N, C-alpha and C. Protein backbone atom coordinates (compact mmCIF):
# COMPACT_ATOMS: atom_id res chain seq x y z
N MET A 1 0.78 -1.24 -0.20
CA MET A 1 -0.04 -0.05 0.14
C MET A 1 0.89 1.26 -0.09
N MET A 2 0.51 2.38 -0.65
CA MET A 2 1.31 3.43 -0.77
C MET A 2 0.65 4.63 0.03
N ARG A 3 1.34 5.25 0.62
CA ARG A 3 0.82 6.51 1.24
C ARG A 3 1.26 7.78 0.76
N GLY A 4 0.42 8.84 0.86
CA GLY A 4 0.68 9.95 0.38
C GLY A 4 1.07 10.13 -1.21
N ASN A 5 2.22 10.74 -1.80
CA ASN A 5 2.39 10.86 -2.94
C ASN A 5 3.82 10.22 -3.30
N GLN A 6 4.02 9.05 -2.43
CA GLN A 6 5.24 8.31 -2.67
C GLN A 6 5.18 7.73 -4.03
N VAL A 7 6.50 7.62 -4.75
CA VAL A 7 6.62 7.03 -6.17
C VAL A 7 7.32 5.63 -5.74
N ARG A 8 6.67 4.59 -6.33
CA ARG A 8 7.52 3.28 -6.32
C ARG A 8 8.43 3.48 -7.45
N GLU A 9 9.56 2.29 -7.30
CA GLU A 9 10.51 2.34 -8.21
C GLU A 9 9.87 1.45 -9.27
N PRO A 10 10.34 1.39 -10.49
CA PRO A 10 9.81 0.37 -11.45
C PRO A 10 9.85 -1.06 -10.98
N MET A 11 8.78 -1.67 -11.15
CA MET A 11 8.80 -2.97 -10.65
C MET A 11 9.80 -3.87 -11.34
N ILE A 12 9.99 -5.16 -10.76
CA ILE A 12 10.68 -6.10 -11.77
C ILE A 12 9.67 -6.46 -12.90
N PRO A 13 10.15 -6.67 -14.08
CA PRO A 13 9.47 -7.11 -15.09
C PRO A 13 8.66 -8.44 -14.68
N GLY A 14 7.36 -8.57 -15.01
CA GLY A 14 6.79 -9.87 -14.73
C GLY A 14 6.24 -9.78 -13.45
N ALA A 15 5.81 -8.83 -12.77
CA ALA A 15 5.13 -8.74 -11.52
C ALA A 15 3.67 -9.12 -11.69
N VAL A 16 3.07 -9.31 -10.67
CA VAL A 16 1.57 -9.79 -10.68
C VAL A 16 1.12 -8.30 -9.80
N VAL A 17 0.01 -7.72 -10.56
CA VAL A 17 -0.70 -6.52 -9.74
C VAL A 17 -2.04 -7.02 -9.24
N LEU A 18 -2.15 -6.78 -7.85
CA LEU A 18 -3.46 -6.99 -7.25
C LEU A 18 -4.09 -5.78 -6.85
N LEU A 19 -5.19 -5.49 -7.12
CA LEU A 19 -6.04 -4.43 -6.74
C LEU A 19 -7.15 -4.88 -5.90
N GLU A 20 -7.03 -4.83 -4.55
CA GLU A 20 -8.15 -5.43 -3.42
C GLU A 20 -7.88 -4.41 -2.41
N ASP A 21 -9.05 -3.77 -1.85
CA ASP A 21 -9.08 -2.91 -0.98
C ASP A 21 -9.42 -3.67 0.62
N ASP A 22 -9.69 -4.95 0.69
CA ASP A 22 -9.65 -5.68 1.71
C ASP A 22 -8.58 -6.37 2.11
N ALA A 23 -8.16 -6.14 3.24
CA ALA A 23 -6.55 -6.54 3.69
C ALA A 23 -6.62 -8.02 3.85
N THR A 24 -7.79 -8.42 4.41
CA THR A 24 -7.71 -10.01 4.82
C THR A 24 -7.96 -10.91 3.35
N THR A 25 -8.62 -10.38 2.39
CA THR A 25 -8.63 -10.78 1.22
C THR A 25 -7.55 -10.78 0.36
N ALA A 26 -6.74 -9.61 0.42
CA ALA A 26 -5.49 -9.51 -0.08
C ALA A 26 -4.48 -10.59 0.43
N ALA A 27 -4.65 -10.87 1.53
CA ALA A 27 -3.66 -11.82 2.23
C ALA A 27 -3.98 -13.18 1.83
N LEU A 28 -5.13 -13.46 1.64
CA LEU A 28 -5.47 -14.72 1.45
C LEU A 28 -5.14 -15.07 -0.40
N ILE A 29 -5.35 -13.88 -1.09
CA ILE A 29 -4.96 -14.33 -2.52
C ILE A 29 -3.30 -14.32 -2.59
N ARG A 30 -2.61 -13.60 -1.86
CA ARG A 30 -1.14 -13.55 -1.69
C ARG A 30 -0.70 -15.11 -1.27
N GLN A 31 -1.51 -15.64 -0.19
CA GLN A 31 -1.25 -17.03 0.14
C GLN A 31 -1.37 -17.95 -0.85
N VAL A 32 -2.47 -17.96 -1.55
CA VAL A 32 -3.05 -18.79 -2.71
C VAL A 32 -1.84 -18.70 -3.94
N LEU A 33 -1.57 -17.45 -4.29
CA LEU A 33 -0.29 -17.37 -5.13
C LEU A 33 0.90 -17.89 -4.69
N ALA A 34 1.28 -17.75 -3.38
CA ALA A 34 2.60 -18.53 -2.86
C ALA A 34 2.54 -19.78 -3.09
N ALA A 35 1.41 -20.41 -2.62
CA ALA A 35 1.32 -21.86 -2.69
C ALA A 35 1.25 -22.36 -4.20
N THR A 36 1.23 -21.74 -5.14
CA THR A 36 1.55 -22.05 -6.48
C THR A 36 2.95 -21.98 -7.08
N ASN A 37 3.68 -21.74 -6.18
CA ASN A 37 5.29 -21.56 -6.44
C ASN A 37 5.43 -20.46 -7.30
N ILE A 38 4.76 -19.47 -7.51
CA ILE A 38 4.86 -18.37 -8.13
C ILE A 38 5.89 -17.20 -7.57
N ALA A 39 6.92 -17.13 -8.01
CA ALA A 39 8.05 -16.28 -7.54
C ALA A 39 7.98 -14.72 -7.92
N ASN A 40 6.95 -14.64 -8.86
CA ASN A 40 6.92 -13.15 -9.33
C ASN A 40 6.51 -12.31 -8.38
N PRO A 41 6.97 -10.93 -8.16
CA PRO A 41 6.63 -10.14 -7.13
C PRO A 41 5.29 -9.83 -7.23
N LEU A 42 4.51 -9.61 -6.04
CA LEU A 42 3.04 -9.19 -6.12
C LEU A 42 3.01 -7.67 -5.54
N GLU A 43 2.54 -6.86 -6.47
CA GLU A 43 2.15 -5.43 -6.20
C GLU A 43 0.85 -5.35 -5.89
N HIS A 44 0.62 -4.81 -4.59
CA HIS A 44 -0.67 -4.89 -4.12
C HIS A 44 -1.14 -3.39 -3.98
N PHE A 45 -2.24 -2.98 -4.57
CA PHE A 45 -2.84 -1.58 -4.47
C PHE A 45 -4.36 -1.81 -3.65
N THR A 46 -4.64 -0.60 -3.00
CA THR A 46 -5.96 -0.49 -2.40
C THR A 46 -6.70 0.49 -3.28
N SER A 47 -6.12 1.29 -4.08
CA SER A 47 -6.70 2.46 -4.89
C SER A 47 -6.55 2.05 -6.31
N GLY A 48 -7.71 2.23 -6.91
CA GLY A 48 -7.75 2.11 -8.52
C GLY A 48 -7.12 3.25 -9.22
N ILE A 49 -7.34 4.15 -8.78
CA ILE A 49 -6.56 5.34 -9.40
C ILE A 49 -4.91 5.07 -9.30
N GLU A 50 -4.55 4.74 -7.87
CA GLU A 50 -2.95 4.42 -7.96
C GLU A 50 -2.57 3.34 -8.73
N ALA A 51 -3.33 2.47 -8.91
CA ALA A 51 -2.96 1.06 -9.71
C ALA A 51 -2.93 1.42 -11.03
N VAL A 52 -3.76 2.18 -11.61
CA VAL A 52 -3.90 2.70 -13.03
C VAL A 52 -2.47 3.44 -13.23
N ARG A 53 -2.27 4.39 -12.50
CA ARG A 53 -1.33 5.28 -12.57
C ARG A 53 0.10 4.74 -12.65
N GLN A 54 0.19 3.63 -11.56
CA GLN A 54 1.62 2.93 -11.45
C GLN A 54 1.70 1.98 -12.69
N ILE A 55 0.61 1.30 -13.20
CA ILE A 55 0.67 0.42 -14.26
C ILE A 55 1.04 1.19 -15.46
N GLY A 56 0.54 2.38 -15.71
CA GLY A 56 1.05 3.08 -16.70
C GLY A 56 2.45 3.57 -16.72
N GLN A 57 2.97 3.87 -15.65
CA GLN A 57 4.29 4.12 -15.49
C GLN A 57 5.20 3.21 -15.64
N TRP A 58 4.87 1.80 -15.28
CA TRP A 58 5.65 0.57 -15.29
C TRP A 58 5.59 0.24 -16.79
N THR A 59 4.44 0.42 -17.38
CA THR A 59 4.42 0.05 -18.92
C THR A 59 5.25 1.03 -19.73
N ASP A 60 5.15 2.23 -19.43
CA ASP A 60 5.97 3.17 -20.20
C ASP A 60 7.52 2.95 -19.96
N ALA A 61 7.88 2.33 -18.94
CA ALA A 61 9.28 2.15 -18.76
C ALA A 61 9.77 0.87 -19.16
N GLY A 62 8.53 0.14 -19.57
CA GLY A 62 8.91 -1.23 -20.53
C GLY A 62 8.84 -2.42 -19.64
N SER A 63 8.23 -2.21 -18.31
CA SER A 63 8.22 -3.27 -17.29
C SER A 63 6.51 -3.65 -17.17
N PRO A 64 5.60 -3.82 -18.18
CA PRO A 64 4.26 -4.10 -17.74
C PRO A 64 4.13 -5.37 -16.70
N PRO A 65 3.16 -5.44 -16.15
CA PRO A 65 2.73 -6.60 -15.43
C PRO A 65 2.47 -7.86 -16.19
N VAL A 66 2.78 -9.10 -15.73
CA VAL A 66 2.12 -10.19 -16.49
C VAL A 66 0.80 -10.68 -16.00
N LEU A 67 0.25 -10.10 -15.04
CA LEU A 67 -1.13 -10.50 -14.61
C LEU A 67 -1.42 -9.38 -13.97
N VAL A 68 -2.84 -8.92 -14.12
CA VAL A 68 -3.44 -8.03 -13.21
C VAL A 68 -4.73 -8.80 -12.49
N VAL A 69 -4.99 -8.73 -11.25
CA VAL A 69 -6.24 -9.10 -10.60
C VAL A 69 -6.74 -7.99 -9.94
N LEU A 70 -8.01 -7.93 -10.31
CA LEU A 70 -8.90 -6.84 -9.75
C LEU A 70 -9.98 -7.26 -9.20
N ASP A 71 -10.36 -6.44 -7.94
CA ASP A 71 -11.64 -6.53 -7.05
C ASP A 71 -12.66 -5.45 -7.88
N LEU A 72 -13.86 -5.78 -8.03
CA LEU A 72 -14.86 -5.11 -8.75
C LEU A 72 -15.15 -3.50 -8.14
N SER A 73 -15.08 -3.84 -6.64
CA SER A 73 -15.53 -2.79 -5.82
C SER A 73 -14.53 -2.19 -4.91
N VAL A 74 -13.96 -1.21 -5.57
CA VAL A 74 -12.94 -0.43 -4.75
C VAL A 74 -13.37 1.03 -4.50
N PRO A 75 -12.99 1.74 -3.51
CA PRO A 75 -13.72 3.04 -3.19
C PRO A 75 -13.47 4.08 -4.04
N ASP A 76 -12.39 4.25 -4.96
CA ASP A 76 -12.12 5.19 -5.79
C ASP A 76 -12.43 5.20 -7.06
N LEU A 77 -12.09 4.02 -7.54
CA LEU A 77 -12.31 3.58 -9.17
C LEU A 77 -12.65 2.15 -9.17
N SER A 78 -13.67 1.86 -9.83
CA SER A 78 -14.01 0.44 -9.96
C SER A 78 -13.35 -0.57 -10.55
N GLY A 79 -13.15 -1.74 -10.35
CA GLY A 79 -12.54 -2.60 -11.14
C GLY A 79 -12.88 -2.54 -12.72
N LEU A 80 -14.20 -2.29 -12.98
CA LEU A 80 -14.42 -2.11 -14.47
C LEU A 80 -13.66 -1.14 -15.00
N ASP A 81 -13.58 0.10 -14.27
CA ASP A 81 -13.03 1.33 -14.81
C ASP A 81 -11.71 1.20 -14.96
N VAL A 82 -10.74 0.48 -13.95
CA VAL A 82 -9.52 0.09 -14.12
C VAL A 82 -9.30 -0.83 -15.40
N LEU A 83 -10.19 -1.79 -15.50
CA LEU A 83 -9.99 -2.72 -16.76
C LEU A 83 -10.24 -1.92 -18.10
N GLN A 84 -11.04 -0.91 -18.06
CA GLN A 84 -11.17 -0.21 -19.14
C GLN A 84 -10.00 0.63 -19.49
N ARG A 85 -9.45 1.25 -18.51
CA ARG A 85 -8.20 1.87 -18.61
C ARG A 85 -6.89 0.95 -19.28
N ILE A 86 -6.98 -0.19 -18.68
CA ILE A 86 -5.82 -1.19 -19.05
C ILE A 86 -6.09 -1.39 -20.54
N ARG A 87 -7.37 -1.67 -21.01
CA ARG A 87 -7.50 -2.11 -22.30
C ARG A 87 -7.57 -1.13 -23.38
N ALA A 88 -7.40 0.09 -22.71
CA ALA A 88 -7.46 1.32 -23.74
C ALA A 88 -5.98 1.56 -24.23
N ARG A 89 -5.17 0.96 -23.43
CA ARG A 89 -3.58 1.09 -24.00
C ARG A 89 -3.08 -0.30 -24.68
N PRO A 90 -2.86 -0.08 -26.07
CA PRO A 90 -2.49 -1.35 -26.91
C PRO A 90 -1.32 -2.08 -26.50
N GLU A 91 -0.51 -1.50 -25.68
CA GLU A 91 0.60 -2.31 -25.36
C GLU A 91 0.39 -3.13 -24.08
N LEU A 92 -0.87 -2.88 -23.37
CA LEU A 92 -1.36 -3.78 -22.35
C LEU A 92 -2.41 -4.89 -22.81
N ALA A 93 -2.52 -4.81 -24.11
CA ALA A 93 -3.66 -5.60 -24.61
C ALA A 93 -3.34 -7.30 -24.48
N ALA A 94 -2.33 -7.65 -24.35
CA ALA A 94 -2.02 -9.04 -24.07
C ALA A 94 -1.89 -9.45 -22.61
N VAL A 95 -2.12 -8.50 -21.69
CA VAL A 95 -1.66 -8.71 -20.27
C VAL A 95 -3.16 -9.40 -19.95
N PRO A 96 -3.10 -10.42 -19.27
CA PRO A 96 -4.27 -11.12 -18.67
C PRO A 96 -4.72 -10.27 -17.65
N VAL A 97 -5.94 -10.03 -17.58
CA VAL A 97 -6.60 -9.59 -16.46
C VAL A 97 -7.86 -10.41 -15.94
N VAL A 98 -7.62 -10.69 -14.72
CA VAL A 98 -8.88 -11.40 -13.76
C VAL A 98 -9.55 -10.64 -12.80
N MET A 99 -10.78 -10.77 -12.82
CA MET A 99 -11.69 -10.04 -11.85
C MET A 99 -12.04 -10.93 -10.88
N LEU A 100 -11.70 -10.78 -9.49
CA LEU A 100 -12.06 -11.43 -8.22
C LEU A 100 -13.07 -10.55 -7.70
N SER A 101 -14.42 -11.10 -7.77
CA SER A 101 -15.32 -10.03 -7.11
C SER A 101 -16.33 -10.72 -6.19
N GLY A 102 -16.89 -10.03 -5.37
CA GLY A 102 -17.98 -10.45 -4.44
C GLY A 102 -19.40 -10.51 -5.10
N SER A 103 -19.31 -10.08 -6.31
CA SER A 103 -20.44 -9.85 -7.17
C SER A 103 -20.63 -11.02 -8.21
N GLY A 104 -21.91 -11.84 -8.05
CA GLY A 104 -21.89 -12.74 -9.13
C GLY A 104 -23.09 -12.17 -10.06
N ASP A 105 -23.55 -11.14 -10.07
CA ASP A 105 -24.38 -10.45 -10.84
C ASP A 105 -24.17 -10.52 -12.47
N ASP A 106 -25.07 -11.05 -12.97
CA ASP A 106 -25.03 -11.24 -14.58
C ASP A 106 -24.58 -10.07 -15.32
N ALA A 107 -24.96 -8.79 -15.05
CA ALA A 107 -24.63 -7.64 -15.72
C ALA A 107 -23.14 -7.30 -15.13
N ASP A 108 -22.72 -7.36 -14.15
CA ASP A 108 -21.35 -7.34 -13.95
C ASP A 108 -20.29 -8.09 -14.77
N ILE A 109 -20.82 -9.48 -14.65
CA ILE A 109 -20.03 -10.39 -15.42
C ILE A 109 -19.84 -10.11 -16.73
N GLU A 110 -21.13 -9.81 -17.34
CA GLU A 110 -21.13 -9.41 -19.02
C GLU A 110 -20.50 -8.10 -19.13
N ARG A 111 -20.50 -7.21 -18.44
CA ARG A 111 -19.86 -6.09 -18.71
C ARG A 111 -18.25 -6.17 -18.74
N ALA A 112 -17.92 -6.97 -17.67
CA ALA A 112 -16.43 -7.26 -17.56
C ALA A 112 -16.10 -7.98 -18.94
N TYR A 113 -16.84 -9.09 -19.34
CA TYR A 113 -16.25 -9.53 -20.53
C TYR A 113 -16.39 -8.73 -21.74
N GLU A 114 -17.18 -7.76 -21.77
CA GLU A 114 -17.56 -6.89 -22.83
C GLU A 114 -16.19 -5.91 -23.02
N ILE A 115 -15.56 -5.59 -21.80
CA ILE A 115 -14.51 -4.85 -21.79
C ILE A 115 -13.10 -5.47 -22.02
N GLY A 116 -13.26 -6.77 -21.69
CA GLY A 116 -12.03 -7.67 -22.06
C GLY A 116 -11.19 -8.24 -20.99
N ILE A 117 -12.29 -8.61 -19.93
CA ILE A 117 -11.66 -9.41 -18.72
C ILE A 117 -11.31 -10.71 -19.37
N ASP A 118 -10.37 -11.62 -18.75
CA ASP A 118 -9.98 -12.64 -19.28
C ASP A 118 -10.49 -13.87 -18.40
N ALA A 119 -10.90 -13.41 -17.24
CA ALA A 119 -11.56 -14.63 -16.29
C ALA A 119 -12.33 -13.82 -15.25
N TYR A 120 -13.48 -14.28 -14.72
CA TYR A 120 -14.18 -13.64 -13.61
C TYR A 120 -14.44 -14.60 -12.64
N LEU A 121 -14.05 -14.43 -11.49
CA LEU A 121 -13.93 -15.27 -10.28
C LEU A 121 -14.92 -14.82 -9.42
N VAL A 122 -15.86 -15.45 -8.65
CA VAL A 122 -16.63 -14.84 -7.52
C VAL A 122 -15.93 -15.19 -6.17
N LYS A 123 -15.77 -14.24 -5.26
CA LYS A 123 -15.39 -14.45 -3.93
C LYS A 123 -16.45 -14.81 -3.14
N PRO A 124 -15.97 -15.57 -2.11
CA PRO A 124 -14.60 -15.83 -1.60
C PRO A 124 -14.16 -17.39 -2.26
N ALA A 125 -15.13 -18.25 -2.63
CA ALA A 125 -14.60 -19.41 -3.15
C ALA A 125 -13.67 -19.19 -4.40
N GLY A 126 -13.95 -18.36 -5.33
CA GLY A 126 -13.14 -18.11 -6.45
C GLY A 126 -11.88 -17.70 -6.48
N ILE A 127 -11.34 -17.33 -5.20
CA ILE A 127 -10.07 -17.13 -4.88
C ILE A 127 -9.39 -18.38 -5.03
N HIS A 128 -9.83 -19.49 -4.51
CA HIS A 128 -9.04 -20.56 -4.71
C HIS A 128 -8.84 -21.32 -6.22
N GLY A 129 -9.68 -20.66 -6.94
CA GLY A 129 -9.58 -21.04 -8.36
C GLY A 129 -8.66 -20.27 -9.24
N LEU A 130 -7.93 -19.36 -8.42
CA LEU A 130 -6.91 -18.51 -9.23
C LEU A 130 -5.94 -19.37 -9.77
N PRO A 131 -5.20 -20.38 -9.06
CA PRO A 131 -4.14 -21.08 -9.80
C PRO A 131 -4.60 -21.75 -11.07
N ASP A 132 -5.90 -22.32 -11.01
CA ASP A 132 -6.38 -22.92 -12.23
C ASP A 132 -6.58 -21.86 -13.36
N VAL A 133 -6.92 -20.74 -13.08
CA VAL A 133 -6.88 -19.90 -14.13
C VAL A 133 -5.61 -19.39 -14.71
N ILE A 134 -4.69 -19.22 -13.81
CA ILE A 134 -3.49 -18.89 -14.32
C ILE A 134 -2.84 -19.91 -15.32
N ARG A 135 -3.08 -21.14 -14.87
CA ARG A 135 -2.76 -22.51 -15.91
C ARG A 135 -3.46 -22.18 -17.21
N ARG A 136 -4.95 -22.12 -17.00
CA ARG A 136 -5.66 -21.97 -18.25
C ARG A 136 -5.28 -21.01 -19.24
N LEU A 137 -4.90 -19.73 -18.51
CA LEU A 137 -4.24 -18.61 -19.28
C LEU A 137 -3.10 -18.64 -20.06
N GLY A 138 -2.28 -19.70 -19.60
CA GLY A 138 -0.99 -20.03 -20.11
C GLY A 138 -0.02 -19.18 -19.38
N LEU A 139 -0.32 -18.79 -18.36
CA LEU A 139 0.72 -18.12 -17.46
C LEU A 139 2.07 -18.79 -16.98
N PRO A 140 2.05 -19.98 -16.76
CA PRO A 140 3.06 -20.80 -16.24
C PRO A 140 4.34 -20.42 -17.17
N GLN A 141 4.13 -20.20 -18.39
CA GLN A 141 5.33 -19.96 -19.40
C GLN A 141 5.83 -18.59 -19.06
N LEU A 142 5.02 -17.48 -18.49
CA LEU A 142 5.40 -16.34 -18.16
C LEU A 142 5.81 -15.93 -16.70
N LEU A 143 5.30 -16.87 -15.99
CA LEU A 143 5.77 -16.60 -14.49
C LEU A 143 6.84 -17.14 -14.24
N LEU A 144 7.67 -16.53 -13.19
CA LEU A 144 9.02 -17.20 -12.75
C LEU A 144 8.74 -18.40 -11.94
N PRO A 145 9.28 -19.57 -11.97
CA PRO A 145 9.26 -20.67 -11.09
C PRO A 145 10.01 -20.27 -10.00
N ARG A 146 9.39 -20.66 -8.78
CA ARG A 146 10.34 -20.51 -7.73
C ARG A 146 11.26 -21.76 -7.40
N PRO A 147 12.57 -21.65 -7.20
CA PRO A 147 13.47 -22.64 -7.29
C PRO A 147 13.10 -23.67 -5.93
N GLY A 148 13.11 -25.08 -6.24
CA GLY A 148 12.83 -26.04 -5.23
C GLY A 148 11.58 -26.60 -5.69
């Protein structure tokens, strides 16, 4: 999480970006990803505005993320708005984006797919399906294997 106007250094190429405003859910997602032996750094944001800004900076610096995981409902900018901004950048078109949401509403799901989401999982059970989605999206070739 960032405070004030701190600027993060460009991330290591191949990071996973997580937008989730609930600390407990973010910790669970972190555990699920760690259990899959993914060694990529996880960059966690609680602000959609900050996530979009940093993804843009990193992309401009040649270090786009390999995966973005979005919560639908965050206080300042919805996951759908963040998804729209990501998909508006041609250089991010190939970056897989997964929505993890408490909403199983058909309208939310349909809208996410219209904008260009790669997978939509409903929390809390969907969190445990994240490793399968990563495999289905072909990400093991992009993600750094953890030694051992």
